[in-house]
Amino acid sequence: MLFNDALAGQLGLPGRSVGEGQLAAWYSGAERIPGSEPAALAYSGHQFGQFNPTMGDGRALLLGEIIAPDGARFDLQFKGSGRTPYSRGGDGMCALGSALREYLMSEAMAALGVPTTRSLAVVTTGSGIWREQPHPAAVLTRVAASHLRIGTFEFAATHQGLEAAQRLCDYALARHYPALLDAANRPLALLEAVAEAQARLVAKWMALGFVHGVMNTDNVTISGETIDYGPCAFIDTYSDSEVFSSIDRQGRYAYGQQPAVCRWNLYQLASALIEAIASAGGADVETARVLLEDWPQRYHAHWLREMRGKLGLAAKHDGDDTLAQDLFALLEGQQADFTMLFRALGSSLTQGFDIFAAQLLEPDKLQPWFARWQERLALEPLDSATRAAAMDAVNPLYIPRNQRLDAALGAAEAGDLIPFTGMLAAVSQPFAAQPGWEEYSAIPASGSPRHVTFCGT
């Protein structure tokens, strides 16, 4: 059993004092958790752009809500606990590797400061399942601010109509944005709140080189948390068109497409809310249209804020946007490791251009940009060591390296958890270098096979 003691403490849940056997019984589903009322949630969803009106938790089970000691409300959910009414012929089970992958990826994202669902426990069931080959089965316990999705609103609008959409809107506001309950048009206020939360979220993904991989509307939360860690990955060699998912053959959810897809998803939320928006105030339909039309500027403001941090820019100056965008344009084809490039840029403040150049295939092409960056830094009275420390505080050193994570998951399924727990420790402290952890920051060897991820594994 893998158990997140720190998270359990934050949530006010029983810890190891009740005994590991009891925890394993609860979080494997062998015994019902006291007070839980399990239910599979229904929702709709646009999957790769195609609308599916009736979907739901095919291998997940909502156990109920909990209120933490600080008053915050969370959902507790099983993943992999068996068949539900929405399993569509599947077994509803989860492979151990898939459960451990979500545990590590979600904890890494939390440590990186990205809004995310969390993982409380992974418990093996003692049974095996078949996913092109045999795997040990496991149950993951997920913690989320809620499991309300854009697809939840699509389901209400499609199957239940205006009144249900209005009730769902009021519940979502009370749950996530209570200050907006007094808004003149509550459905419009919810649309704007979700648009803002998703703009912030995707900007953080882009700043870290994170590719979600399956940005269907049923995987877009109303709270603005990252959810569903199936086909996700972090970029190694930078490319705006990087795709990892084995089923995304057209690159719909490629790294550089994520902001545009996010906006497309928000249009689907608007469509689900539009009758409620019009009912509260007909003129506000135009307001909703303008909100989404202007969303790229909203997103870009958050992206630029993230980029200023990554580039060590403490203040706002004209030209910052161009400086940041030019860097990414110049990186195409340079075979630069996304994560280590920005760490090297911070190191260059005290060690010079060569450490940055070492990350590049053709460093001469980036030298003029580097000189422009140095000129921009000179506009701010900040010493190099202080600036470098600030950059290292937002540019991670340790991320879940794709091939290393796959190897750790394979070892775990074979009975050896040591590679996994070592990697988990590193990505849970992603910014400060630690002695003995050099392997977790190592760039994949040249010629390593292209990394491929899979949905529903």
Protein backbone atom coordinates (compact mmCIF):
# COMPACT_ATOMS: atom_id res chain seq x y z
CA MET A 1 0.00 0.00 0.00
CA LEU A 2 1.13 3.53 -0.84
CA PHE A 3 -0.42 6.10 1.49
CA ASN A 4 -0.08 9.89 1.43
CA ASP A 5 0.34 10.64 5.13
CA ALA A 6 0.79 14.38 4.67
CA LEU A 7 -2.35 14.72 2.54
CA ALA A 8 -4.39 12.62 4.99
CA GLY A 9 -3.30 14.98 7.77
CA GLN A 10 -4.33 18.05 5.76
CA LEU A 11 -7.74 16.51 5.14
CA GLY A 12 -8.26 15.42 8.74
CA LEU A 13 -8.55 11.76 7.72
CA PRO A 14 -7.39 8.81 9.84
CA GLY A 15 -3.74 7.94 9.35
CA ARG A 16 -1.56 4.97 10.08
CA SER A 17 -2.60 4.98 13.73
CA VAL A 18 -5.67 2.95 12.72
CA GLY A 19 -3.34 0.29 11.31
CA GLU A 20 -2.13 -0.32 7.77
CA GLY A 21 -4.45 -3.29 7.45
CA GLN A 22 -7.46 -1.10 8.12
CA LEU A 23 -6.27 1.56 5.70
CA ALA A 24 -5.70 -1.08 3.03
CA ALA A 25 -9.19 -2.49 3.59
CA TRP A 26 -10.78 0.95 3.25
CA TYR A 27 -8.77 2.16 0.27
CA SER A 28 -8.98 -1.08 -1.70
CA GLY A 29 -12.76 -1.10 -1.41
CA ALA A 30 -12.73 -4.30 0.64
CA GLU A 31 -14.52 -2.42 3.45
CA ARG A 32 -16.71 0.62 3.03
CA ILE A 33 -15.14 3.80 4.40
CA PRO A 34 -17.31 4.97 7.32
CA GLY A 35 -19.82 7.59 6.16
CA SER A 36 -19.20 7.03 2.43
CA GLU A 37 -22.07 6.77 -0.05
CA PRO A 38 -20.54 5.46 -3.28
CA ALA A 39 -21.98 6.64 -6.60
CA ALA A 40 -20.82 6.69 -10.21
CA LEU A 41 -21.23 10.12 -11.81
CA ALA A 42 -22.83 10.69 -15.19
CA TYR A 43 -21.63 13.36 -17.61
CA SER A 44 -21.38 14.11 -21.30
CA GLY A 45 -18.26 15.04 -23.20
CA HIS A 46 -16.65 16.15 -26.43
CA GLN A 47 -13.98 13.55 -27.08
CA PHE A 48 -11.47 14.69 -29.72
CA GLY A 49 -14.16 17.15 -30.85
CA GLN A 50 -16.99 14.61 -31.14
CA PHE A 51 -19.94 14.90 -28.76
CA ASN A 52 -20.91 11.89 -26.66
CA PRO A 53 -24.14 12.76 -24.82
CA THR A 54 -24.01 9.96 -22.25
CA MET A 55 -20.77 9.12 -20.52
CA GLY A 56 -19.79 8.66 -16.91
CA ASP A 57 -17.42 7.09 -14.41
CA GLY A 58 -16.54 3.83 -16.11
CA ARG A 59 -13.94 2.81 -13.55
CA ALA A 60 -14.36 5.50 -10.92
CA LEU A 61 -16.65 5.73 -7.91
CA LEU A 62 -17.37 8.87 -5.91
CA LEU A 63 -17.25 7.96 -2.22
CA GLY A 64 -18.57 11.28 -0.96
CA GLU A 65 -17.47 14.68 0.27
CA ILE A 66 -15.21 15.47 3.20
CA ILE A 67 -14.61 18.74 4.99
CA ALA A 68 -11.01 19.40 6.02
CA PRO A 69 -10.09 21.02 9.34
CA ASP A 70 -9.74 24.39 7.58
CA GLY A 71 -13.31 24.14 6.28
CA ALA A 72 -12.42 23.33 2.68
CA ARG A 73 -14.63 20.74 0.96
CA PHE A 74 -13.23 17.89 -1.14
CA ASP A 75 -14.44 14.87 -3.09
CA LEU A 76 -13.01 11.45 -2.36
CA GLN A 77 -13.09 9.08 -5.34
CA PHE A 78 -11.91 5.57 -6.15
CA LYS A 79 -10.36 4.79 -9.52
CA GLY A 80 -10.24 1.13 -10.50
CA SER A 81 -12.75 -0.29 -8.03
CA GLY A 82 -14.78 -2.22 -10.63
CA ARG A 83 -17.61 -1.99 -13.11
CA THR A 84 -20.18 0.80 -13.01
CA PRO A 85 -23.25 1.54 -15.17
CA TYR A 86 -20.90 3.56 -17.43
CA SER A 87 -18.18 0.94 -17.97
CA ARG A 88 -19.31 0.28 -21.57
CA GLY A 89 -18.13 -3.30 -21.59
CA GLY A 90 -14.94 -2.61 -19.64
CA ASP A 91 -13.97 -4.28 -16.39
CA GLY A 92 -13.72 -1.02 -14.41
CA MET A 93 -10.33 -2.08 -13.06
CA CYS A 94 -7.03 -0.22 -12.99
CA ALA A 95 -3.53 -1.55 -13.53
CA LEU A 96 -1.04 -0.91 -10.73
CA GLY A 97 1.22 1.04 -13.09
CA SER A 98 -1.62 3.36 -14.12
CA ALA A 99 -2.56 4.04 -10.49
CA LEU A 100 1.05 4.73 -9.50
CA ARG A 101 1.49 6.98 -12.54
CA GLU A 102 -1.40 9.20 -11.46
CA TYR A 103 -0.12 9.23 -7.88
CA LEU A 104 3.34 10.41 -8.90
CA MET A 105 2.25 12.82 -11.62
CA SER A 106 -0.39 14.52 -9.49
CA GLU A 107 1.98 14.86 -6.54
CA ALA A 108 4.65 16.28 -8.85
CA MET A 109 2.19 18.84 -10.21
CA ALA A 110 1.16 19.84 -6.69
CA ALA A 111 4.82 20.35 -5.75
CA LEU A 112 5.26 22.48 -8.89
CA GLY A 113 2.44 24.76 -7.75
CA VAL A 114 -0.07 23.64 -10.39
CA PRO A 115 -3.75 23.31 -9.36
CA THR A 116 -4.41 19.57 -9.43
CA THR A 117 -6.32 16.67 -8.04
CA ARG A 118 -4.26 14.76 -5.48
CA SER A 119 -3.63 11.11 -4.70
CA LEU A 120 -4.29 9.75 -1.24
CA ALA A 121 -3.59 6.03 -1.62
CA VAL A 122 -2.80 3.18 -3.98
CA VAL A 123 -3.66 -0.33 -2.83
CA THR A 124 -3.20 -3.54 -4.80
CA THR A 125 -6.24 -5.80 -4.92
CA GLY A 126 -4.44 -9.12 -5.20
CA SER A 127 -6.04 -9.83 -8.58
CA GLY A 128 -4.70 -9.46 -12.09
CA ILE A 129 -6.09 -7.76 -15.19
CA TRP A 130 -5.31 -7.94 -18.88
CA ARG A 131 -4.22 -4.86 -20.84
CA GLU A 132 -2.54 -6.44 -23.89
CA GLN A 133 -0.53 -8.26 -21.23
CA PRO A 134 -1.16 -9.19 -17.58
CA HIS A 135 -0.86 -6.52 -14.86
CA PRO A 136 -1.52 -6.49 -11.13
CA ALA A 137 -4.72 -4.57 -10.35
CA ALA A 138 -4.89 -1.66 -7.90
CA VAL A 139 -7.27 1.00 -6.62
CA LEU A 140 -6.25 4.66 -6.54
CA THR A 141 -7.96 7.09 -4.16
CA ARG A 142 -8.23 10.54 -5.72
CA VAL A 143 -8.91 13.80 -3.86
CA ALA A 144 -10.43 16.71 -5.79
CA ALA A 145 -11.96 20.08 -5.02
CA SER A 146 -14.89 18.53 -6.89
CA HIS A 147 -15.51 16.35 -9.91
CA LEU A 148 -17.69 18.93 -11.66
CA ARG A 149 -16.58 19.16 -15.28
CA ILE A 150 -17.63 20.97 -18.41
CA GLY A 151 -19.11 17.61 -19.34
CA THR A 152 -21.30 17.76 -16.21
CA PHE A 153 -22.93 20.92 -17.55
CA GLU A 154 -23.22 19.42 -21.02
CA PHE A 155 -25.09 16.48 -19.49
CA ALA A 156 -27.47 18.76 -17.59
CA ALA A 157 -28.19 20.91 -20.63
CA THR A 158 -28.63 17.92 -22.96
CA HIS A 159 -30.73 15.66 -20.77
CA GLN A 160 -32.37 17.80 -18.10
CA GLY A 161 -32.83 21.32 -19.43
CA LEU A 162 -32.76 24.87 -18.12
CA GLU A 163 -33.80 24.33 -14.52
CA ALA A 164 -31.18 21.63 -13.95
CA ALA A 165 -28.47 23.78 -15.54
CA GLN A 166 -29.43 26.68 -13.25
CA ARG A 167 -29.33 24.49 -10.13
CA LEU A 168 -25.99 23.02 -11.16
CA CYS A 169 -24.64 26.51 -11.78
CA ASP A 170 -25.67 27.69 -8.32
CA TYR A 171 -24.12 24.60 -6.73
CA ALA A 172 -20.84 25.11 -8.63
CA LEU A 173 -20.68 28.74 -7.56
CA ALA A 174 -21.37 27.87 -3.93
CA ARG A 175 -18.72 25.14 -4.06
CA HIS A 176 -15.95 26.99 -5.89
CA TYR A 177 -16.75 30.68 -6.31
CA PRO A 178 -19.06 31.69 -3.44
CA ALA A 179 -18.25 35.41 -3.81
CA LEU A 180 -20.10 35.32 -7.14
CA LEU A 181 -23.42 34.06 -5.78
CA ASP A 182 -24.66 37.65 -5.65
CA ALA A 183 -23.81 38.30 -9.31
CA ALA A 184 -26.64 39.73 -11.40
CA ASN A 185 -26.19 36.89 -13.91
CA ARG A 186 -24.85 33.88 -12.06
CA PRO A 187 -24.40 31.59 -15.11
CA LEU A 188 -22.36 34.31 -16.83
CA ALA A 189 -20.32 34.83 -13.67
CA LEU A 190 -19.58 31.09 -13.56
CA LEU A 191 -18.48 31.08 -17.20
CA GLU A 192 -16.05 33.93 -16.56
CA ALA A 193 -14.72 32.32 -13.36
CA VAL A 194 -14.03 29.03 -15.16
CA ALA A 195 -12.49 30.90 -18.12
CA GLU A 196 -10.12 32.64 -15.71
CA ALA A 197 -9.27 29.47 -13.79
CA GLN A 198 -8.52 27.55 -16.98
CA ALA A 199 -6.43 30.40 -18.40
CA ARG A 200 -4.27 30.33 -15.27
CA LEU A 201 -4.03 26.54 -15.35
CA VAL A 202 -3.04 26.14 -18.99
CA ALA A 203 -0.49 28.95 -18.68
CA LYS A 204 1.18 26.96 -15.90
CA TRP A 205 1.14 23.80 -18.03
CA MET A 206 2.80 25.66 -20.88
CA ALA A 207 5.43 27.19 -18.60
CA LEU A 208 6.44 23.72 -17.38
CA GLY A 209 6.34 21.91 -20.71
CA PHE A 210 3.43 19.75 -19.57
CA VAL A 211 1.26 18.04 -22.18
CA HIS A 212 -2.07 16.85 -20.78
CA GLY A 213 -2.84 14.68 -23.77
CA VAL A 214 -6.61 14.25 -23.45
CA MET A 215 -8.27 17.66 -23.11
CA ASN A 216 -11.78 16.38 -23.74
CA THR A 217 -14.56 18.41 -22.09
CA ASP A 218 -15.15 15.62 -19.56
CA ASN A 219 -11.56 16.19 -18.37
CA VAL A 220 -11.90 19.96 -17.83
CA THR A 221 -12.81 20.81 -14.26
CA ILE A 222 -14.96 23.72 -13.15
CA SER A 223 -12.55 24.28 -10.24
CA GLY A 224 -9.56 24.77 -12.54
CA GLU A 225 -7.69 21.68 -11.29
CA THR A 226 -5.72 19.33 -13.54
CA ILE A 227 -7.52 15.99 -13.73
CA ASP A 228 -6.90 12.68 -15.54
CA TYR A 229 -3.24 11.73 -15.77
CA GLY A 230 -3.58 8.97 -18.36
CA PRO A 231 -1.66 10.04 -21.50
CA CYS A 232 0.13 13.08 -20.06
CA ALA A 233 3.87 13.70 -20.15
CA PHE A 234 6.49 16.43 -19.76
CA ILE A 235 8.38 17.55 -22.84
CA ASP A 236 11.98 16.42 -23.16
CA THR A 237 13.22 17.86 -26.46
CA TYR A 238 11.27 21.04 -27.12
CA SER A 239 8.81 21.16 -29.98
CA ASP A 240 5.61 23.18 -30.18
CA SER A 241 3.96 20.23 -31.93
CA GLU A 242 5.00 17.61 -29.35
CA VAL A 243 2.39 14.85 -28.88
CA PHE A 244 2.72 11.77 -26.68
CA SER A 245 -0.72 10.13 -26.79
CA SER A 246 -0.89 7.06 -29.00
CA ILE A 247 -4.39 7.94 -30.18
CA ASP A 248 -3.84 11.65 -30.92
CA ARG A 249 -2.71 11.08 -34.49
CA GLN A 250 -3.75 14.53 -35.71
CA GLY A 251 -2.04 16.45 -32.89
CA ARG A 252 -5.27 17.96 -31.59
CA TYR A 253 -3.87 18.02 -28.05
CA ALA A 254 -0.24 18.80 -28.88
CA TYR A 255 1.74 21.04 -26.54
CA GLY A 256 1.28 24.20 -28.58
CA GLN A 257 -2.42 23.50 -29.23
CA GLN A 258 -3.42 23.45 -25.57
CA PRO A 259 -4.48 27.11 -25.24
CA ALA A 260 -6.64 26.94 -28.39
CA VAL A 261 -8.25 23.68 -27.26
CA CYS A 262 -8.93 25.15 -23.84
CA ARG A 263 -10.80 28.02 -25.48
CA TRP A 264 -12.74 25.57 -27.66
CA ASN A 265 -13.76 23.68 -24.52
CA LEU A 266 -14.92 26.91 -22.90
CA TYR A 267 -17.17 27.51 -25.90
CA GLN A 268 -18.79 24.14 -25.10
CA LEU A 269 -19.38 25.28 -21.52
CA ALA A 270 -20.91 28.49 -22.85
CA SER A 271 -23.19 26.46 -25.11
CA ALA A 272 -24.34 24.41 -22.12
CA LEU A 273 -24.98 27.60 -20.10
CA ILE A 274 -26.31 29.86 -22.84
CA GLU A 275 -30.01 29.29 -22.11
CA ALA A 276 -29.42 29.99 -18.42
CA ILE A 277 -27.36 33.10 -19.28
CA ALA A 278 -30.12 34.38 -21.58
CA SER A 279 -32.79 33.63 -18.99
CA ALA A 280 -30.95 35.77 -16.42
CA GLY A 281 -30.38 38.64 -18.87
CA GLY A 282 -30.71 38.51 -22.64
CA ALA A 283 -28.10 41.20 -23.27
CA ASP A 284 -25.54 39.08 -21.40
CA VAL A 285 -25.39 36.60 -24.28
CA GLU A 286 -23.30 39.16 -26.13
CA THR A 287 -21.16 39.63 -23.03
CA ALA A 288 -20.47 35.88 -23.00
CA ARG A 289 -19.53 35.99 -26.69
CA VAL A 290 -17.07 38.83 -26.14
CA LEU A 291 -15.63 37.10 -23.07
CA LEU A 292 -14.70 34.04 -25.12
CA GLU A 293 -13.59 36.08 -28.12
CA ASP A 294 -11.17 37.94 -25.85
CA TRP A 295 -10.05 34.83 -23.93
CA PRO A 296 -6.72 34.51 -25.80
CA GLN A 297 -5.65 37.87 -24.35
CA ARG A 298 -6.68 36.70 -20.87
CA TYR A 299 -4.64 33.52 -21.28
CA HIS A 300 -1.68 35.35 -22.77
CA ALA A 301 -1.46 37.71 -19.80
CA HIS A 302 -1.06 34.70 -17.50
CA TRP A 303 1.44 33.07 -19.85
CA LEU A 304 3.53 36.24 -19.95
CA ARG A 305 3.53 36.43 -16.16
CA GLU A 306 4.84 32.85 -16.04
CA MET A 307 7.46 33.66 -18.66
CA ARG A 308 8.72 36.70 -16.78
CA GLY A 309 9.35 34.44 -13.80
CA LYS A 310 11.14 31.84 -15.89
CA LEU A 311 13.32 34.50 -17.52
CA GLY A 312 14.14 36.25 -14.26
CA LEU A 313 12.28 39.46 -15.12
CA ALA A 314 11.15 41.09 -11.90
CA ALA A 315 9.25 44.00 -13.46
CA LYS A 316 7.13 44.64 -16.54
CA HIS A 317 8.72 46.28 -19.57
CA ASP A 318 7.67 46.76 -23.15
CA GLY A 319 9.17 44.06 -25.31
CA ASP A 320 8.95 41.27 -22.70
CA ASP A 321 6.31 39.47 -24.73
CA THR A 322 8.39 39.58 -27.90
CA LEU A 323 11.49 38.44 -26.02
CA ALA A 324 9.69 35.39 -24.64
CA GLN A 325 7.96 34.46 -27.90
CA ASP A 326 11.18 34.84 -29.88
CA LEU A 327 12.91 32.39 -27.56
CA PHE A 328 10.40 29.65 -28.28
CA ALA A 329 10.47 30.34 -32.01
CA LEU A 330 14.27 30.01 -32.01
CA LEU A 331 14.15 26.78 -29.99
CA GLU A 332 12.36 24.85 -32.74
CA GLY A 333 14.81 22.30 -34.10
CA GLN A 334 17.45 23.00 -31.44
CA GLN A 335 16.80 19.66 -29.67
CA ALA A 336 16.93 21.52 -26.37
CA ASP A 337 15.65 19.84 -23.23
CA PHE A 338 12.79 22.08 -22.05
CA THR A 339 13.43 21.73 -18.33
CA MET A 340 17.22 21.88 -18.30
CA LEU A 341 17.30 24.77 -20.76
CA PHE A 342 15.69 27.12 -18.26
CA ARG A 343 17.85 25.84 -15.40
CA ALA A 344 20.89 26.54 -17.60
CA LEU A 345 19.59 30.02 -18.35
CA GLY A 346 19.54 30.74 -14.63
CA SER A 347 23.04 29.33 -14.23
CA SER A 348 24.27 31.51 -17.10
CA LEU A 349 23.81 34.57 -14.87
CA THR A 350 26.89 33.53 -12.94
CA GLN A 351 28.57 31.13 -15.41
CA GLY A 352 28.08 32.83 -18.77
CA PHE A 353 26.66 31.91 -22.17
CA ASP A 354 28.49 28.60 -22.53
CA ILE A 355 26.34 26.71 -20.03
CA PHE A 356 23.23 27.84 -21.93
CA ALA A 357 24.85 27.08 -25.28
CA ALA A 358 25.56 23.51 -24.17
CA GLN A 359 21.81 22.83 -24.28
CA LEU A 360 21.54 23.80 -27.96
CA LEU A 361 22.26 22.11 -31.26
CA GLU A 362 23.19 25.41 -32.94
CA PRO A 363 24.00 27.87 -30.16
CA ASP A 364 25.07 30.62 -32.58
CA LYS A 365 21.41 31.04 -33.56
CA LEU A 366 20.50 31.84 -29.95
CA GLN A 367 23.45 34.13 -29.16
CA PRO A 368 21.72 37.32 -30.41
CA TRP A 369 18.64 36.46 -28.34
CA PHE A 370 20.86 35.86 -25.29
CA ALA A 371 22.42 39.31 -25.78
CA ARG A 372 18.93 40.88 -25.94
CA TRP A 373 17.99 39.07 -22.73
CA GLN A 374 21.12 40.41 -21.02
CA GLU A 375 20.22 43.95 -22.12
CA ARG A 376 16.72 43.48 -20.71
CA LEU A 377 18.10 42.26 -17.38
CA ALA A 378 20.26 45.38 -17.16
CA LEU A 379 17.08 47.46 -16.84
CA GLU A 380 16.53 46.03 -13.36
CA PRO A 381 18.83 46.65 -10.36
CA LEU A 382 19.05 43.03 -9.21
CA ASP A 383 22.28 41.17 -8.55
CA SER A 384 22.92 37.97 -10.48
CA ALA A 385 22.85 35.61 -7.51
CA THR A 386 19.48 36.89 -6.31
CA ARG A 387 18.01 36.69 -9.79
CA ALA A 388 19.40 33.19 -10.35
CA ALA A 389 17.85 32.02 -7.08
CA ALA A 390 14.49 33.48 -8.13
CA MET A 391 14.68 31.67 -11.46
CA ASP A 392 15.60 28.37 -9.81
CA ALA A 393 12.55 28.76 -7.57
CA VAL A 394 10.21 28.55 -10.58
CA ASN A 395 12.24 26.49 -13.08
CA PRO A 396 12.24 22.91 -11.78
CA LEU A 397 15.25 20.65 -11.73
CA TYR A 398 13.35 17.40 -11.15
CA ILE A 399 10.32 16.42 -13.23
CA PRO A 400 8.83 12.97 -13.95
CA ARG A 401 11.18 12.04 -16.77
CA ASN A 402 9.21 9.91 -19.19
CA GLN A 403 11.46 6.89 -19.79
CA ARG A 404 12.57 6.86 -16.15
CA LEU A 405 8.96 6.90 -14.95
CA ASP A 406 8.03 4.06 -17.29
CA ALA A 407 10.96 2.02 -15.97
CA ALA A 408 9.96 2.74 -12.37
CA LEU A 409 6.37 1.66 -13.04
CA GLY A 410 7.56 -1.53 -14.69
CA ALA A 411 9.76 -2.31 -11.70
CA ALA A 412 6.86 -1.60 -9.33
CA GLU A 413 4.59 -4.02 -11.16
CA ALA A 414 7.38 -6.61 -10.87
CA GLY A 415 7.47 -6.05 -7.10
CA ASP A 416 10.25 -3.47 -6.70
CA LEU A 417 8.98 -0.08 -5.48
CA ILE A 418 12.41 1.42 -4.79
CA PRO A 419 12.82 3.20 -8.19
CA PHE A 420 9.30 4.60 -7.87
CA THR A 421 9.67 5.89 -4.32
CA GLY A 422 13.02 7.47 -5.16
CA MET A 423 11.52 9.31 -8.10
CA LEU A 424 8.50 10.34 -6.03
CA ALA A 425 10.79 11.88 -3.42
CA ALA A 426 12.66 13.86 -6.08
CA VAL A 427 9.63 15.25 -7.93
CA SER A 428 8.01 16.16 -4.61
CA GLN A 429 10.93 18.59 -4.05
CA PRO A 430 11.43 19.78 -7.64
CA PHE A 431 13.40 23.01 -7.33
CA ALA A 432 16.43 22.64 -5.06
CA ALA A 433 19.34 20.37 -6.02
CA GLN A 434 19.88 17.50 -3.61
CA PRO A 435 23.06 15.39 -3.36
CA GLY A 436 22.58 11.91 -4.77
CA TRP A 437 19.61 12.85 -6.95
CA GLU A 438 21.57 13.57 -10.13
CA GLU A 439 19.90 10.67 -11.96
CA TYR A 440 16.50 12.35 -11.62
CA SER A 441 17.63 15.47 -13.46
CA ALA A 442 19.52 13.62 -16.18
CA ILE A 443 18.51 14.34 -19.78
CA PRO A 444 17.50 11.21 -21.77
CA ALA A 445 20.36 9.77 -23.78
CA SER A 446 20.60 10.77 -27.42
CA GLY A 447 18.72 8.30 -29.57
CA SER A 448 16.28 7.27 -26.82
CA PRO A 449 13.04 5.90 -28.30
CA ARG A 450 10.17 8.36 -28.66
CA HIS A 451 7.95 8.29 -25.59
CA VAL A 452 4.34 7.17 -26.16
CA THR A 453 1.48 7.36 -23.65
CA PHE A 454 -1.88 5.60 -23.57
CA CYS A 455 -5.40 6.40 -22.35
CA GLY A 456 -7.15 4.16 -19.87
CA THR A 457 -4.19 1.94 -19.13
